[in-house]
Amino acid sequence: LATGTMPNPDGTLGVRLVSIDYYLANPVHGLDVVASAYLGLPLQRVPIVRIFGSTSTGQKACLHLHRAFPYLLVPTLEEWPAEP
């Protein structure tokens, strides 16, 4: 793709997902979160999601998605048992 052009009229880029992974890297000021929202301390490493795929025109793509923090969901009981 030429710089500044997108294949879709609405300015989006569609990518057919082939593989996805992540790596940890030093945060980039202006692009990544650089401090913990909970502790206020500087972050040493941040996760970067890497997406491999191809566009609708068949062009290969490798996207690096910043500011995508993993989370953990722990389901709980709807009602907690009464204390003994």
Protein backbone atom coordinates (compact mmCIF):
# COMPACT_ATOMS: atom_id res chain seq x y z
CA LEU A 1 0.00 0.00 0.00
CA ALA A 2 1.19 3.48 -0.73
CA THR A 3 1.69 5.64 2.34
CA GLY A 4 -1.55 7.30 3.39
CA THR A 5 -3.84 5.12 1.27
CA MET A 6 -6.35 2.55 2.43
CA PRO A 7 -8.14 -0.01 0.28
CA ASN A 8 -11.59 0.72 1.76
CA PRO A 9 -13.47 3.98 1.02
CA ASP A 10 -14.15 4.53 4.74
CA GLY A 11 -10.42 4.66 5.51
CA THR A 12 -10.16 1.26 7.16
CA LEU A 13 -7.85 -1.60 6.40
CA GLY A 14 -9.27 -5.12 6.53
CA VAL A 15 -6.83 -7.94 7.26
CA ARG A 16 -7.59 -11.64 7.09
CA LEU A 17 -6.00 -13.09 10.21
CA VAL A 18 -3.38 -15.79 9.67
CA SER A 19 -1.53 -15.66 12.97
CA ILE A 20 -1.43 -13.53 16.09
CA ASP A 21 1.10 -13.29 18.91
CA TYR A 22 2.61 -10.69 21.20
CA TYR A 23 5.95 -9.53 22.50
CA LEU A 24 7.14 -7.20 25.26
CA ALA A 25 9.02 -4.04 24.34
CA ASN A 26 10.21 -0.79 25.88
CA PRO A 27 7.36 1.74 25.87
CA VAL A 28 7.50 4.48 23.23
CA HIS A 29 6.58 7.94 24.55
CA GLY A 30 3.56 9.32 22.71
CA LEU A 31 2.52 5.86 21.49
CA ASP A 32 2.41 3.59 24.55
CA VAL A 33 1.30 3.94 28.13
CA VAL A 34 4.53 4.71 29.98
CA ALA A 35 3.37 4.54 33.62
CA SER A 36 1.17 2.18 35.62
CA ALA A 37 -2.32 3.59 36.20
CA TYR A 38 -2.45 1.70 39.51
CA LEU A 39 0.93 2.43 41.05
CA GLY A 40 2.06 5.46 39.07
CA LEU A 41 5.44 3.83 38.48
CA PRO A 42 7.17 3.81 35.06
CA LEU A 43 6.58 0.70 32.98
CA GLN A 44 9.70 -1.17 31.93
CA ARG A 45 7.98 -3.23 29.21
CA VAL A 46 4.59 -3.09 27.49
CA PRO A 47 2.78 -5.75 25.44
CA ILE A 48 2.60 -5.30 21.66
CA VAL A 49 0.15 -7.51 19.77
CA ARG A 50 1.48 -8.62 16.39
CA ILE A 51 -1.05 -9.60 13.71
CA PHE A 52 0.00 -11.41 10.54
CA GLY A 53 -2.42 -11.68 7.62
CA SER A 54 -3.34 -10.45 4.18
CA THR A 55 -5.59 -7.74 2.77
CA SER A 56 -8.53 -8.31 0.44
CA THR A 57 -6.18 -7.57 -2.47
CA GLY A 58 -3.77 -10.30 -1.32
CA GLN A 59 -1.08 -7.99 0.03
CA LYS A 60 0.76 -9.40 3.06
CA ALA A 61 0.40 -7.47 6.32
CA CYS A 62 2.12 -7.40 9.71
CA LEU A 63 0.44 -5.07 12.20
CA HIS A 64 1.86 -4.04 15.57
CA LEU A 65 -1.01 -3.10 17.89
CA HIS A 66 -0.01 -0.87 20.81
CA ARG A 67 -2.01 -0.13 23.99
CA ALA A 68 -3.66 -3.56 24.00
CA PHE A 69 -3.26 -4.79 27.55
CA PRO A 70 -4.25 -8.36 28.37
CA TYR A 71 -6.76 -8.93 31.09
CA LEU A 72 -7.92 -11.82 33.20
CA LEU A 73 -11.60 -12.48 33.85
CA VAL A 74 -12.42 -14.65 36.82
CA PRO A 75 -16.10 -15.59 36.94
CA THR A 76 -17.63 -15.58 40.40
CA LEU A 77 -20.72 -17.10 41.92
CA GLU A 78 -23.83 -15.03 41.49
CA GLU A 79 -24.51 -15.43 45.19
CA TRP A 80 -21.82 -15.95 47.78
CA PRO A 81 -22.52 -18.59 50.42
CA ALA A 82 -23.35 -17.29 53.87
CA GLU A 83 -20.43 -17.14 56.28
CA PRO A 84 -20.32 -20.10 58.71
